[in-house]
Amino acid sequence: MDPPPLGPPLMEELVEEVLLRVPPDDPATLVRAAVGCKRWCRLISGATFRRRFRELHPAAPMLGFLYARRSGTDFVPASSFRPPHAFREDWNAIDARHGRVLATALESFSPTGTRFIVWDPVTDGAQSLPILEFRPYSWGAAVLCATAGCDHLDCRGGPFLVVVVVTDVSQMRTSAYEYSSDLGTWSEPITVQHPNDWIMIRLHAHVGNALYFNYGLMILKYELGKRELAFIDLPSEFHARHIVLMQAEDGGLGFATIQESKLSLWSRDQAGADGYAGWAQQRVIDLDKLLPVSDCNISVSPYVYAARPPYVVAVADSVGVIFIGKDDGLFTVHLNSGRAERIVVESNSNFKVVPYVSSCTP
């Protein structure tokens, strides 16, 4: 005997309202719904649903992070998202922003230049850029969306920029190159004399319309659009300290560091009491209450890329997550909830993490 009919199908409008409320860090649920019914598949894969979903969830989640292993770069999930290729052999992840990952092809790395790759983990599309000829002694790089006025809710597949800044210590100058996916070429470099012989490390932040790179004694600012370089002083007590630049909670430039068992967050006030920009401590988190921390008050040479643990490894500022490396592992501190978690990754004396924050719908 045939089972009784289940009744008329649910109205598509009701199904859409339910599926729109799936948490943005759980794209696997949308995939399961899409493969279970052709009508739902058409709904979820449609441009209207994707746009509404991202409007309802404008803050993109951290889907995972790129982690440097001995033999390549591994994508470590922090959600139900799983990229088609979680491990990229012979790739070195440098940056991730607006759904794109910037990496270098290790086989092309040479004393005179290297090849950069822009990868979308969601679509698995990868674009290899022309080799940029420079002496890769001290440098940093970033990738970002190039669409003017974009809200980054649905800019996947659009034009992008790659910015590379290079320091020539022998000539005491820093140069910046810019790659445009629209033009398909690298720009001519712009150059500025830098005021000391401290080399640059590859930690940077994107705040407003500028990129900021950590120089140890100071910060290099690259103004997008104008293509101008300038230097910003750090507070003197943080010269030669291990800091990680970030967007502060007030939306301006900031940095995170560890001082005497405490995670310290600083921001730069563009209009201080005396009319000049200055730095101010915004927040302090006692790490003794979250995770076991020993000697945290460590002065680190800027000539060394990584500090001895514990130290701030990376910041996913848009989601309020700080990565901290210790001698017994890698941890995350969530600023919004105040909780800390230990992450199981391959043992490494030099934790290198690139957070991947992006929206993802099937």
Protein backbone atom coordinates (compact mmCIF):
# COMPACT_ATOMS: atom_id res chain seq x y z
CA MET A 1 0.00 0.00 0.00
CA ASP A 2 1.41 3.37 -1.00
CA PRO A 3 2.12 5.84 1.82
CA PRO A 4 -0.31 8.74 2.11
CA PRO A 5 0.71 11.97 0.34
CA LEU A 6 2.67 14.40 2.45
CA GLY A 7 0.52 17.30 1.33
CA PRO A 8 1.28 20.26 -0.91
CA PRO A 9 4.89 21.45 -1.04
CA LEU A 10 5.87 24.37 1.15
CA MET A 11 5.51 27.79 -0.39
CA GLU A 12 8.81 28.86 -1.90
CA GLU A 13 8.64 32.18 -0.08
CA LEU A 14 8.50 30.40 3.28
CA VAL A 15 11.36 28.08 2.36
CA GLU A 16 13.46 31.07 1.38
CA GLU A 17 12.77 32.86 4.67
CA VAL A 18 13.86 29.76 6.61
CA LEU A 19 17.02 29.15 4.59
CA LEU A 20 18.02 32.81 4.77
CA ARG A 21 18.43 32.32 8.52
CA VAL A 22 21.02 29.57 8.27
CA PRO A 23 24.14 30.89 10.11
CA PRO A 24 26.73 32.25 7.64
CA ASP A 25 29.43 30.02 9.14
CA ASP A 26 27.43 26.90 8.25
CA PRO A 27 27.38 26.76 4.43
CA ALA A 28 27.21 22.94 4.58
CA THR A 29 23.56 23.17 5.67
CA LEU A 30 22.72 25.16 2.54
CA VAL A 31 24.52 22.57 0.42
CA ARG A 32 22.52 19.73 2.00
CA ALA A 33 19.28 21.63 1.39
CA ALA A 34 20.25 22.30 -2.22
CA VAL A 35 21.01 18.67 -3.07
CA GLY A 36 17.83 17.43 -1.41
CA CYS A 37 15.35 19.12 -3.73
CA LYS A 38 15.57 20.60 -7.24
CA ARG A 39 13.31 23.53 -6.33
CA TRP A 40 15.44 24.36 -3.31
CA CYS A 41 18.59 24.01 -5.40
CA ARG A 42 17.33 26.57 -7.90
CA LEU A 43 16.34 28.86 -5.03
CA ILE A 44 19.64 28.67 -3.13
CA SER A 45 21.84 28.95 -6.21
CA GLY A 46 19.95 31.98 -7.53
CA ALA A 47 21.50 35.44 -7.47
CA THR A 48 18.53 36.91 -5.56
CA PHE A 49 18.89 34.45 -2.68
CA ARG A 50 22.65 34.96 -2.47
CA ARG A 51 22.26 38.71 -2.35
CA ARG A 52 19.51 38.61 0.29
CA PHE A 53 21.54 36.14 2.35
CA ARG A 54 24.55 38.44 2.42
CA GLU A 55 22.42 41.48 3.18
CA LEU A 56 20.92 39.63 6.16
CA HIS A 57 24.41 38.53 7.26
CA PRO A 58 26.63 41.50 6.29
CA ALA A 59 29.46 40.50 8.62
CA ALA A 60 31.36 37.74 6.84
CA PRO A 61 32.46 34.88 9.14
CA MET A 62 35.94 33.44 9.52
CA LEU A 63 35.57 30.24 7.50
CA GLY A 64 39.07 29.08 8.42
CA PHE A 65 42.69 30.10 8.14
CA LEU A 66 45.73 29.31 6.02
CA TYR A 67 48.52 27.64 7.95
CA ALA A 68 52.10 27.23 6.78
CA ARG A 69 53.33 23.65 7.00
CA ARG A 70 56.77 22.31 6.12
CA SER A 71 55.61 21.18 2.68
CA GLY A 72 53.04 23.83 1.73
CA THR A 73 49.97 25.71 2.92
CA ASP A 74 47.02 24.02 4.61
CA PHE A 75 43.47 25.38 4.90
CA VAL A 76 42.31 24.75 8.48
CA PRO A 77 38.48 25.00 8.75
CA ALA A 78 36.84 27.08 11.48
CA SER A 79 33.33 26.36 10.16
CA SER A 80 31.49 23.76 8.08
CA PHE A 81 33.16 25.13 4.92
CA ARG A 82 35.61 22.77 3.20
CA PRO A 83 37.45 24.03 0.11
CA PRO A 84 37.89 21.65 -2.85
CA HIS A 85 41.65 21.64 -2.24
CA ALA A 86 42.49 22.12 1.44
CA PHE A 87 46.24 21.63 0.97
CA ARG A 88 48.33 23.59 -1.51
CA GLU A 89 51.74 22.11 -2.06
CA ASP A 90 54.57 24.57 -2.77
CA TRP A 91 52.38 27.59 -1.97
CA ASN A 92 53.18 30.18 0.67
CA ALA A 93 50.06 32.10 1.77
CA ILE A 94 50.76 35.80 2.33
CA ASP A 95 47.37 37.49 2.76
CA ALA A 96 43.61 36.93 2.45
CA ARG A 97 40.91 39.56 1.99
CA HIS A 98 37.53 39.96 0.29
CA GLY A 99 37.31 36.23 -0.47
CA ARG A 100 40.73 35.99 -2.11
CA VAL A 101 44.01 34.46 -0.93
CA LEU A 102 47.38 35.83 -2.03
CA ALA A 103 50.20 33.28 -2.17
CA THR A 104 53.64 32.91 -3.70
CA ALA A 105 54.69 29.98 -5.85
CA LEU A 106 57.74 28.66 -4.04
CA GLU A 107 59.23 27.10 -7.15
CA SER A 108 59.38 30.58 -8.77
CA PHE A 109 60.97 32.27 -5.73
CA SER A 110 64.45 33.50 -6.59
CA PRO A 111 66.92 36.20 -5.49
CA THR A 112 65.57 38.47 -8.25
CA GLY A 113 61.81 37.94 -8.20
CA THR A 114 58.82 35.70 -7.62
CA ARG A 115 55.40 34.77 -8.97
CA PHE A 116 52.24 35.58 -7.02
CA ILE A 117 49.00 33.60 -7.14
CA VAL A 118 45.48 34.82 -6.29
CA TRP A 119 43.20 31.96 -5.22
CA ASP A 120 39.50 31.78 -4.34
CA PRO A 121 39.03 28.79 -1.97
CA VAL A 122 35.25 28.77 -2.55
CA THR A 123 35.34 28.43 -6.34
CA ASP A 124 38.88 26.94 -6.37
CA GLY A 125 39.79 29.37 -9.13
CA ALA A 126 43.44 30.48 -9.16
CA GLN A 127 45.17 33.14 -11.24
CA SER A 128 48.94 33.26 -11.64
CA LEU A 129 50.33 36.79 -11.94
CA PRO A 130 53.33 37.82 -14.03
CA ILE A 131 56.64 37.43 -12.23
CA LEU A 132 57.56 40.58 -10.34
CA GLU A 133 61.27 41.27 -10.50
CA PHE A 134 62.61 42.52 -7.17
CA ARG A 135 65.13 41.45 -4.57
CA PRO A 136 62.94 39.60 -2.03
CA TYR A 137 65.07 40.44 0.99
CA SER A 138 62.51 42.43 2.95
CA TRP A 139 59.00 42.81 1.62
CA GLY A 140 55.26 42.58 2.26
CA ALA A 141 52.18 42.10 0.06
CA ALA A 142 48.40 42.39 0.22
CA VAL A 143 45.37 41.57 -1.97
CA LEU A 144 42.04 43.42 -1.99
CA CYS A 145 38.92 44.09 -4.05
CA ALA A 146 39.38 46.80 -6.69
CA THR A 147 35.72 47.71 -7.26
CA ALA A 148 35.07 51.30 -6.19
CA GLY A 149 32.38 51.59 -3.51
CA CYS A 150 31.99 47.81 -3.19
CA ASP A 151 30.31 46.57 0.00
CA HIS A 152 32.11 43.21 -0.44
CA LEU A 153 28.86 41.30 0.04
CA ASP A 154 29.10 39.71 -3.40
CA CYS A 155 32.36 40.78 -5.07
CA ARG A 156 33.67 37.27 -5.74
CA GLY A 157 35.10 37.09 -9.25
CA GLY A 158 35.43 40.87 -9.61
CA PRO A 159 38.59 42.90 -10.24
CA PHE A 160 41.32 42.93 -7.59
CA LEU A 161 44.57 44.68 -6.69
CA VAL A 162 47.81 43.24 -5.35
CA VAL A 163 50.22 45.61 -3.61
CA VAL A 164 53.84 44.65 -2.94
CA VAL A 165 56.21 46.84 -0.92
CA VAL A 166 59.95 46.13 -1.01
CA THR A 167 62.79 47.49 1.11
CA ASP A 168 66.31 47.85 -0.29
CA VAL A 169 68.40 48.12 2.86
CA SER A 170 71.63 48.86 0.97
CA GLN A 171 70.10 51.98 -0.61
CA MET A 172 67.83 52.87 2.35
CA ARG A 173 64.68 53.07 0.22
CA THR A 174 61.30 51.40 0.00
CA SER A 175 59.33 50.85 -3.22
CA ALA A 176 55.69 49.91 -3.86
CA TYR A 177 54.33 48.01 -6.86
CA GLU A 178 50.66 47.55 -7.72
CA TYR A 179 49.07 44.85 -9.88
CA SER A 180 45.65 45.47 -11.42
CA SER A 181 43.64 42.48 -12.64
CA ASP A 182 41.90 44.81 -15.09
CA LEU A 183 45.20 45.86 -16.68
CA GLY A 184 46.98 42.54 -16.18
CA THR A 185 50.33 44.20 -15.48
CA TRP A 186 52.47 45.50 -12.63
CA SER A 187 52.79 49.27 -12.28
CA GLU A 188 56.05 51.16 -12.23
CA PRO A 189 57.29 51.43 -8.64
CA ILE A 190 56.94 54.47 -6.45
CA THR A 191 59.83 54.98 -4.03
CA VAL A 192 60.50 56.73 -0.74
CA GLN A 193 63.67 57.00 1.32
CA HIS A 194 63.22 55.31 4.64
CA PRO A 195 64.80 56.90 7.70
CA ASN A 196 66.61 53.94 9.26
CA ASP A 197 68.09 50.55 8.48
CA TRP A 198 65.39 48.50 10.21
CA ILE A 199 63.94 46.04 7.79
CA MET A 200 60.26 45.40 7.25
CA ILE A 201 58.38 42.30 8.35
CA ARG A 202 55.30 41.01 6.56
CA LEU A 203 52.57 41.91 9.04
CA HIS A 204 50.09 44.47 7.73
CA ALA A 205 46.56 45.84 8.03
CA HIS A 206 43.95 47.38 5.71
CA VAL A 207 42.23 50.36 7.29
CA GLY A 208 40.10 52.81 5.34
CA ASN A 209 41.75 53.51 2.01
CA ALA A 210 45.27 52.58 3.06
CA LEU A 211 47.51 49.59 3.74
CA TYR A 212 49.86 49.67 6.73
CA PHE A 213 53.05 47.60 7.07
CA ASN A 214 55.06 47.06 10.26
CA TYR A 215 58.65 48.27 10.13
CA GLY A 216 59.70 47.59 13.72
CA LEU A 217 60.42 51.20 14.71
CA MET A 218 57.62 52.66 12.64
CA ILE A 219 54.74 51.87 10.28
CA LEU A 220 54.71 52.31 6.50
CA LYS A 221 51.44 53.69 5.07
CA TYR A 222 50.50 53.04 1.44
CA GLU A 223 47.59 55.22 0.33
CA LEU A 224 45.47 53.43 -2.25
CA GLY A 225 44.32 55.43 -5.25
CA LYS A 226 46.84 58.20 -4.62
CA ARG A 227 49.70 55.65 -4.54
CA GLU A 228 51.61 57.57 -1.87
CA LEU A 229 54.01 56.27 0.79
CA ALA A 230 54.49 57.77 4.25
CA PHE A 231 55.82 56.73 7.67
CA ILE A 232 54.03 56.75 11.04
CA ASP A 233 55.84 56.57 14.37
CA LEU A 234 55.09 53.86 16.89
CA PRO A 235 55.06 54.61 20.61
CA SER A 236 58.69 54.48 21.74
CA GLU A 237 57.99 51.68 24.24
CA PHE A 238 57.06 49.41 21.32
CA HIS A 239 60.20 49.94 19.27
CA ALA A 240 61.59 46.48 18.42
CA ARG A 241 58.59 44.77 20.02
CA HIS A 242 56.49 42.13 18.33
CA ILE A 243 53.21 43.78 17.36
CA VAL A 244 50.52 42.90 14.81
CA LEU A 245 48.75 45.73 13.01
CA MET A 246 44.96 45.66 12.83
CA GLN A 247 41.85 47.76 12.44
CA ALA A 248 40.99 49.02 15.91
CA GLU A 249 37.53 48.69 17.42
CA ASP A 250 36.93 52.40 16.71
CA GLY A 251 37.62 51.81 13.00
CA GLY A 252 41.07 53.42 12.95
CA LEU A 253 44.56 51.98 12.83
CA GLY A 254 45.57 49.83 15.78
CA PHE A 255 47.84 47.03 16.87
CA ALA A 256 47.86 44.07 19.25
CA THR A 257 50.73 42.87 21.41
CA ILE A 258 51.38 40.93 24.61
CA GLN A 259 52.75 42.71 27.67
CA GLU A 260 53.33 41.02 31.02
CA SER A 261 50.76 38.23 30.61
CA LYS A 262 48.23 40.62 29.09
CA LEU A 263 46.90 41.03 25.58
CA SER A 264 47.06 44.75 24.91
CA LEU A 265 45.11 46.50 22.14
CA TRP A 266 46.12 50.00 21.00
CA SER A 267 44.59 52.49 18.55
CA ARG A 268 45.81 55.64 16.87
CA ASP A 269 43.78 58.73 17.65
CA GLN A 270 43.72 60.90 14.52
CA ALA A 271 42.92 64.04 16.53
CA GLY A 272 44.39 63.90 20.00
CA ALA A 273 43.96 66.46 22.76
CA ASP A 274 46.90 68.48 21.41
CA GLY A 275 45.62 68.40 17.83
CA TYR A 276 48.11 65.75 16.73
CA ALA A 277 47.58 62.06 16.10
CA GLY A 278 48.71 59.85 18.95
CA TRP A 279 48.43 56.33 20.34
CA ALA A 280 46.22 55.19 23.20
CA GLN A 281 45.65 51.85 24.88
CA GLN A 282 42.06 50.79 24.26
CA ARG A 283 41.73 47.39 25.91
CA VAL A 284 43.65 44.95 28.09
CA ILE A 285 42.83 41.24 28.45
CA ASP A 286 44.42 39.20 31.23
CA LEU A 287 45.63 36.02 29.54
CA ASP A 288 46.34 34.29 32.85
CA LYS A 289 42.58 33.87 33.19
CA LEU A 290 42.20 32.41 29.69
CA LEU A 291 45.27 30.26 29.04
CA PRO A 292 48.54 29.41 30.79
CA VAL A 293 51.08 32.12 29.99
CA SER A 294 54.63 32.24 31.28
CA ASP A 295 57.12 35.01 30.48
CA CYS A 296 55.17 37.32 28.16
CA ASN A 297 57.26 40.48 28.53
CA ILE A 298 59.55 39.72 25.62
CA SER A 299 61.52 42.23 23.55
CA VAL A 300 61.93 40.93 20.02
CA SER A 301 64.44 42.01 17.41
CA PRO A 302 62.74 43.36 14.26
CA TYR A 303 65.26 41.33 12.29
CA VAL A 304 63.45 38.19 13.45
CA TYR A 305 60.11 37.48 11.80
CA ALA A 306 58.56 35.62 14.75
CA ALA A 307 58.87 36.29 18.46
CA ARG A 308 59.48 33.60 21.03
CA PRO A 309 56.13 32.41 22.39
CA PRO A 310 53.78 33.65 23.64
CA TYR A 311 53.16 36.28 20.98
CA VAL A 312 50.41 37.57 18.73
CA VAL A 313 50.53 35.62 15.46
CA ALA A 314 47.67 37.18 13.47
CA VAL A 315 44.46 39.16 13.85
CA ALA A 316 41.12 38.62 12.11
CA ASP A 317 39.94 42.08 13.12
CA SER A 318 36.60 42.00 11.28
CA VAL A 319 35.45 39.07 13.45
CA GLY A 320 37.39 39.95 16.61
CA VAL A 321 39.71 36.92 16.73
CA ILE A 322 43.35 37.08 17.88
CA PHE A 323 45.74 34.18 17.17
CA ILE A 324 48.39 33.62 19.86
CA GLY A 325 51.38 31.32 19.56
CA LYS A 326 52.86 29.61 22.61
CA ASP A 327 55.48 26.97 23.16
CA ASP A 328 52.68 24.44 23.72
CA GLY A 329 50.49 25.32 20.73
CA LEU A 330 48.37 27.79 18.83
CA PHE A 331 45.39 29.51 20.50
CA THR A 332 42.59 31.88 19.51
CA VAL A 333 41.16 34.58 21.76
CA HIS A 334 37.67 35.78 20.79
CA LEU A 335 37.30 39.43 21.76
CA ASN A 336 33.51 39.49 21.65
CA SER A 337 32.90 36.47 23.88
CA GLY A 338 36.12 36.52 25.89
CA ARG A 339 36.75 32.81 25.35
CA ALA A 340 39.97 31.13 24.30
CA GLU A 341 40.41 27.95 22.28
CA ARG A 342 43.36 25.75 21.45
CA ILE A 343 43.77 24.83 17.77
CA VAL A 344 45.24 21.50 16.76
CA VAL A 345 47.73 22.07 13.96
CA GLU A 346 51.02 20.55 12.86
CA SER A 347 53.74 21.41 15.36
CA ASN A 348 55.77 24.36 14.17
CA SER A 349 58.33 26.56 15.88
CA ASN A 350 57.19 29.53 13.80
CA PHE A 351 53.39 29.76 13.57
CA LYS A 352 52.34 31.49 10.35
CA VAL A 353 48.59 32.10 10.08
CA VAL A 354 46.51 33.94 7.48
CA PRO A 355 42.83 34.22 8.57
CA TYR A 356 40.25 33.66 5.81
CA VAL A 357 37.13 35.78 6.36
CA SER A 358 34.53 35.49 3.60
CA SER A 359 30.88 34.87 2.76
CA CYS A 360 30.07 31.53 1.16
CA THR A 361 26.85 30.34 -0.45
CA PRO A 362 26.54 27.41 -2.86
